[in-house]
């Protein structure tokens, strides 16, 4: 129960859903590198340094 509350509080399900949706939409050759870069972009966006990543931006 405590673990589920943590996941909900930190919005982990939302993040994983976003990552998997982007991964399935793009289907990159190297999914691990793609996810790493996407997480980096999310962190930079959170810090206000770049615009948030979008699944509809140019490949």
PDB file of N, CA and C in Angstrom:
ATOM      1  N   UNK A   1       0.830  -1.210   0.000  1.00  0.00           N
ATOM      2  CA  UNK A   1       0.000   0.000   0.000  1.00  0.00           C
ATOM      3  C   UNK A   1       0.866   1.262   0.000  1.00  0.00           C
ATOM      4  N   UNK A   2       1.892   1.262   0.804  1.00  0.00           N
ATOM      5  CA  UNK A   2       2.770   2.422   0.876  1.00  0.00           C
ATOM      6  C   UNK A   2       3.485   2.663  -0.462  1.00  0.00           C
ATOM      7  N   UNK A   3       3.880   1.572  -1.115  1.00  0.00           N
ATOM      8  CA  UNK A   3       4.557   1.701  -2.411  1.00  0.00           C
ATOM      9  C   UNK A   3       3.621   2.305  -3.453  1.00  0.00           C
ATOM     10  N   UNK A   4       2.372   1.880  -3.464  1.00  0.00           N
ATOM     11  CA  UNK A   4       1.402   2.425  -4.421  1.00  0.00           C
ATOM     12  C   UNK A   4       1.154   3.908  -4.184  1.00  0.00           C
ATOM     13  N   UNK A   5       1.063   4.296  -2.935  1.00  0.00           N
ATOM     14  CA  UNK A   5       0.884   5.713  -2.615  1.00  0.00           C
ATOM     15  C   UNK A   5       2.071   6.545  -3.100  1.00  0.00           C
ATOM     16  N   UNK A   6       3.262   5.993  -2.924  1.00  0.00           N
ATOM     17  CA  UNK A   6       4.461   6.689  -3.392  1.00  0.00           C
ATOM     18  C   UNK A   6       4.406   6.883  -4.910  1.00  0.00           C
ATOM     19  N   UNK A   7       4.070   5.810  -5.642  1.00  0.00           N
ATOM     20  CA  UNK A   7       3.996   5.895  -7.106  1.00  0.00           C
ATOM     21  C   UNK A   7       2.955   6.915  -7.559  1.00  0.00           C
ATOM     22  N   UNK A   8       1.832   6.944  -6.891  1.00  0.00           N
ATOM     23  CA  UNK A   8       0.784   7.905  -7.236  1.00  0.00           C
ATOM     24  C   UNK A   8       1.210   9.335  -6.888  1.00  0.00           C
ATOM     25  N   UNK A   9       1.791   9.501  -5.728  1.00  0.00           N
ATOM     26  CA  UNK A   9       2.205  10.830  -5.273  1.00  0.00           C
ATOM     27  C   UNK A   9       3.267  11.433  -6.191  1.00  0.00           C
ATOM     28  N   UNK A  10       4.181  10.610  -6.648  1.00  0.00           N
ATOM     29  CA  UNK A  10       5.275  11.078  -7.507  1.00  0.00           C
ATOM     30  C   UNK A  10       4.906  11.042  -8.994  1.00  0.00           C
ATOM     31  N   UNK A  11       3.687  10.623  -9.295  1.00  0.00           N
ATOM     32  CA  UNK A  11       3.167  10.563 -10.675  1.00  0.00           C
ATOM     33  C   UNK A  11       4.008   9.656 -11.576  1.00  0.00           C
ATOM     34  N   UNK A  12       4.494   8.577 -11.014  1.00  0.00           N
ATOM     35  CA  UNK A  12       5.333   7.646 -11.760  1.00  0.00           C
ATOM     36  C   UNK A  12       4.547   6.992 -12.887  1.00  0.00           C
ATOM     37  N   UNK A  13       3.285   6.662 -12.639  1.00  0.00           N
ATOM     38  CA  UNK A  13       2.466   6.056 -13.692  1.00  0.00           C
ATOM     39  C   UNK A  13       2.346   6.991 -14.890  1.00  0.00           C
ATOM     40  N   UNK A  14       2.179   8.275 -14.643  1.00  0.00           N
ATOM     41  CA  UNK A  14       2.070   9.253 -15.731  1.00  0.00           C
ATOM     42  C   UNK A  14       3.362   9.317 -16.537  1.00  0.00           C
ATOM     43  N   UNK A  15       4.478   9.296 -15.849  1.00  0.00           N
ATOM     44  CA  UNK A  15       5.772   9.366 -16.526  1.00  0.00           C
ATOM     45  C   UNK A  15       5.997   8.124 -17.383  1.00  0.00           C
ATOM     46  N   UNK A  16       5.734   6.961 -16.815  1.00  0.00           N
ATOM     47  CA  UNK A  16       5.925   5.708 -17.554  1.00  0.00           C
ATOM     48  C   UNK A  16       4.987   5.659 -18.757  1.00  0.00           C
ATOM     49  N   UNK A  17       3.757   6.089 -18.583  1.00  0.00           N
ATOM     50  CA  UNK A  17       2.796   6.120 -19.684  1.00  0.00           C
ATOM     51  C   UNK A  17       3.291   7.039 -20.802  1.00  0.00           C
ATOM     52  N   UNK A  18       3.797   8.215 -20.433  1.00  0.00           N
ATOM     53  CA  UNK A  18       4.338   9.157 -21.408  1.00  0.00           C
ATOM     54  C   UNK A  18       5.524   8.544 -22.155  1.00  0.00           C
ATOM     55  N   UNK A  19       6.441   7.926 -21.420  1.00  0.00           N
ATOM     56  CA  UNK A  19       7.623   7.326 -22.034  1.00  0.00           C
ATOM     57  C   UNK A  19       7.249   6.192 -22.983  1.00  0.00           C
ATOM     58  N   UNK A  20       6.359   5.307 -22.554  1.00  0.00           N
ATOM     59  CA  UNK A  20       5.975   4.178 -23.395  1.00  0.00           C
ATOM     60  C   UNK A  20       5.194   4.634 -24.628  1.00  0.00           C
ATOM     61  N   UNK A  21       4.346   5.634 -24.459  1.00  0.00           N
ATOM     62  CA  UNK A  21       3.605   6.169 -25.600  1.00  0.00           C
ATOM     63  C   UNK A  21       4.534   6.739 -26.649  1.00  0.00           C
ATOM     64  N   UNK A  22       5.525   7.507 -26.213  1.00  0.00           N
ATOM     65  CA  UNK A  22       6.511   8.066 -27.135  1.00  0.00           C
ATOM     66  C   UNK A  22       7.338   6.970 -27.788  1.00  0.00           C
ATOM     67  N   UNK A  23       7.720   5.987 -27.005  1.00  0.00           N
ATOM     68  CA  UNK A  23       8.520   4.886 -27.526  1.00  0.00           C
ATOM     69  C   UNK A  23       7.761   4.130 -28.615  1.00  0.00           C
ATOM     70  N   UNK A  24       6.499   3.836 -28.369  1.00  0.00           N
ATOM     71  CA  UNK A  24       5.709   3.105 -29.356  1.00  0.00           C
ATOM     72  C   UNK A  24       5.407   3.944 -30.588  1.00  0.00           C
ATOM     73  N   UNK A  25       5.263   5.239 -30.412  1.00  0.00           N
ATOM     74  CA  UNK A  25       5.008   6.124 -31.542  1.00  0.00           C
ATOM     75  C   UNK A  25       6.248   6.243 -32.429  1.00  0.00           C
ATOM     76  N   UNK A  26       7.405   6.407 -31.826  1.00  0.00           N
ATOM     77  CA  UNK A  26       8.653   6.626 -32.577  1.00  0.00           C
ATOM     78  C   UNK A  26       9.330   5.333 -33.034  1.00  0.00           C
ATOM     79  N   UNK A  27       9.244   4.292 -32.219  1.00  0.00           N
ATOM     80  CA  UNK A  27       9.889   3.001 -32.493  1.00  0.00           C
ATOM     81  C   UNK A  27      11.353   3.162 -32.923  1.00  0.00           C
ATOM     82  N   UNK A  28      12.158   3.779 -32.064  1.00  0.00           N
ATOM     83  CA  UNK A  28      13.560   4.014 -32.427  1.00  0.00           C
ATOM     84  C   UNK A  28      14.359   2.711 -32.491  1.00  0.00           C
ATOM     85  N   UNK A  29      15.453   2.752 -33.241  1.00  0.00           N
ATOM     86  CA  UNK A  29      16.324   1.573 -33.337  1.00  0.00           C
ATOM     87  C   UNK A  29      16.946   1.226 -31.993  1.00  0.00           C
ATOM     88  N   UNK A  30      17.277   2.236 -31.219  1.00  0.00           N
ATOM     89  CA  UNK A  30      17.877   2.019 -29.901  1.00  0.00           C
ATOM     90  C   UNK A  30      16.926   2.580 -28.839  1.00  0.00           C
ATOM     91  N   UNK A  31      15.994   1.766 -28.353  1.00  0.00           N
ATOM     92  CA  UNK A  31      14.996   2.276 -27.410  1.00  0.00           C
ATOM     93  C   UNK A  31      15.599   2.767 -26.095  1.00  0.00           C
ATOM     94  N   UNK A  32      16.699   2.173 -25.664  1.00  0.00           N
ATOM     95  CA  UNK A  32      17.305   2.583 -24.398  1.00  0.00           C
ATOM     96  C   UNK A  32      17.900   3.987 -24.512  1.00  0.00           C
ATOM     97  N   UNK A  33      18.590   4.241 -25.606  1.00  0.00           N
ATOM     98  CA  UNK A  33      19.159   5.569 -25.834  1.00  0.00           C
ATOM     99  C   UNK A  33      18.045   6.597 -25.997  1.00  0.00           C
ATOM    100  N   UNK A  34      16.992   6.224 -26.716  1.00  0.00           N
ATOM    101  CA  UNK A  34      15.865   7.135 -26.922  1.00  0.00           C
ATOM    102  C   UNK A  34      15.226   7.514 -25.583  1.00  0.00           C
ATOM    103  N   UNK A  35      14.976   6.519 -24.735  1.00  0.00           N
ATOM    104  CA  UNK A  35      14.354   6.795 -23.441  1.00  0.00           C
ATOM    105  C   UNK A  35      15.264   7.644 -22.555  1.00  0.00           C
ATOM    106  N   UNK A  36      16.557   7.390 -22.616  1.00  0.00           N
ATOM    107  CA  UNK A  36      17.507   8.195 -21.849  1.00  0.00           C
ATOM    108  C   UNK A  36      17.448   9.651 -22.288  1.00  0.00           C
ATOM    109  N   UNK A  37      17.453   9.879 -23.601  1.00  0.00           N
ATOM    110  CA  UNK A  37      17.390  11.245 -24.123  1.00  0.00           C
ATOM    111  C   UNK A  37      16.058  11.906 -23.778  1.00  0.00           C
ATOM    112  N   UNK A  38      14.981  11.145 -23.851  1.00  0.00           N
ATOM    113  CA  UNK A  38      13.667  11.695 -23.537  1.00  0.00           C
ATOM    114  C   UNK A  38      13.578  12.096 -22.062  1.00  0.00           C
ATOM    115  N   UNK A  39      14.111  11.259 -21.187  1.00  0.00           N
ATOM    116  CA  UNK A  39      14.134  11.605 -19.761  1.00  0.00           C
ATOM    117  C   UNK A  39      14.993  12.841 -19.505  1.00  0.00           C
ATOM    118  N   UNK A  40      16.109  12.947 -20.214  1.00  0.00           N
ATOM    119  CA  UNK A  40      16.949  14.147 -20.086  1.00  0.00           C
ATOM    120  C   UNK A  40      16.176  15.392 -20.501  1.00  0.00           C
ATOM    121  N   UNK A  41      15.431  15.302 -21.606  1.00  0.00           N
ATOM    122  CA  UNK A  41      14.632  16.442 -22.075  1.00  0.00           C
ATOM    123  C   UNK A  41      13.546  16.793 -21.057  1.00  0.00           C
ATOM    124  N   UNK A  42      12.954  15.777 -20.451  1.00  0.00           N
ATOM    125  CA  UNK A  42      11.928  16.030 -19.431  1.00  0.00           C
ATOM    126  C   UNK A  42      12.533  16.766 -18.240  1.00  0.00           C
ATOM    127  N   UNK A  43      13.729  16.369 -17.827  1.00  0.00           N
ATOM    128  CA  UNK A  43      14.391  17.023 -16.692  1.00  0.00           C
ATOM    129  C   UNK A  43      14.737  18.465 -17.028  1.00  0.00           C
ATOM    130  N   UNK A  44      15.248  18.704 -18.233  1.00  0.00           N
ATOM    131  CA  UNK A  44      15.574  20.072 -18.646  1.00  0.00           C
ATOM    132  C   UNK A  44      14.319  20.925 -18.723  1.00  0.00           C
ATOM    133  N   UNK A  45      13.233  20.328 -19.182  1.00  0.00           N
ATOM    134  CA  UNK A  45      11.961  21.043 -19.269  1.00  0.00           C
ATOM    135  C   UNK A  45      11.454  21.394 -17.877  1.00  0.00           C
ATOM    136  N   UNK A  46      11.561  20.462 -16.973  1.00  0.00           N
ATOM    137  CA  UNK A  46      11.129  20.687 -15.591  1.00  0.00           C
ATOM    138  C   UNK A  46      11.883  21.857 -14.972  1.00  0.00           C
ATOM    139  N   UNK A  47      13.148  21.971 -15.350  1.00  0.00           N
ATOM    140  CA  UNK A  47      13.985  23.049 -14.822  1.00  0.00           C
ATOM    141  C   UNK A  47      13.829  24.349 -15.602  1.00  0.00           C
ATOM    142  N   UNK A  48      12.949  24.345 -16.610  1.00  0.00           N
ATOM    143  CA  UNK A  48      12.668  25.552 -17.381  1.00  0.00           C
ATOM    144  C   UNK A  48      13.719  25.901 -18.418  1.00  0.00           C
ATOM    145  N   UNK A  49      14.565  24.942 -18.773  1.00  0.00           N
ATOM    146  CA  UNK A  49      15.652  25.217 -19.711  1.00  0.00           C
ATOM    147  C   UNK A  49      15.276  24.968 -21.169  1.00  0.00           C
ATOM    148  N   UNK A  50      14.301  24.108 -21.408  1.00  0.00           N
ATOM    149  CA  UNK A  50      13.835  23.821 -22.772  1.00  0.00           C
ATOM    150  C   UNK A  50      12.325  23.625 -22.739  1.00  0.00           C
ATOM    151  N   UNK A  51      11.711  23.630 -23.916  1.00  0.00           N
ATOM    152  CA  UNK A  51      10.285  23.325 -24.011  1.00  0.00           C
ATOM    153  C   UNK A  51      10.071  21.849 -23.710  1.00  0.00           C
ATOM    154  N   UNK A  52       8.889  21.493 -23.208  1.00  0.00           N
ATOM    155  CA  UNK A  52       8.626  20.088 -22.909  1.00  0.00           C
ATOM    156  C   UNK A  52       8.660  19.238 -24.171  1.00  0.00           C
ATOM    157  N   UNK A  53       9.115  17.984 -24.067  1.00  0.00           N
ATOM    158  CA  UNK A  53       9.116  17.101 -25.226  1.00  0.00           C
ATOM    159  C   UNK A  53       7.692  16.798 -25.666  1.00  0.00           C
ATOM    160  N   UNK A  54       7.530  16.624 -26.955  1.00  0.00           N
ATOM    161  CA  UNK A  54       6.219  16.317 -27.514  1.00  0.00           C
ATOM    162  C   UNK A  54       6.356  15.145 -28.467  1.00  0.00           C
ATOM    163  N   UNK A  55       5.404  14.212 -28.439  1.00  0.00           N
ATOM    164  CA  UNK A  55       5.476  13.093 -29.387  1.00  0.00           C
ATOM    165  C   UNK A  55       5.274  13.552 -30.823  1.00  0.00           C
ATOM    166  N   UNK A  56       4.820  14.774 -31.013  1.00  0.00           N
ATOM    167  CA  UNK A  56       4.522  15.253 -32.356  1.00  0.00           C
ATOM    168  C   UNK A  56       5.580  16.194 -32.896  1.00  0.00           C
ATOM    169  N   UNK A  57       6.694  16.373 -32.157  1.00  0.00           N
ATOM    170  CA  UNK A  57       7.772  17.215 -32.660  1.00  0.00           C
ATOM    171  C   UNK A  57       8.526  16.453 -33.744  1.00  0.00           C
ATOM    172  N   UNK A  58       9.376  17.153 -34.467  1.00  0.00           N
ATOM    173  CA  UNK A  58      10.089  16.521 -35.578  1.00  0.00           C
ATOM    174  C   UNK A  58      10.976  15.398 -35.065  1.00  0.00           C
ATOM    175  N   UNK A  59      11.121  14.391 -35.895  1.00  0.00           N
ATOM    176  CA  UNK A  59      11.933  13.229 -35.537  1.00  0.00           C
ATOM    177  C   UNK A  59      13.353  13.602 -35.735  1.00  0.00           C
TER     178      UNK A  59
END
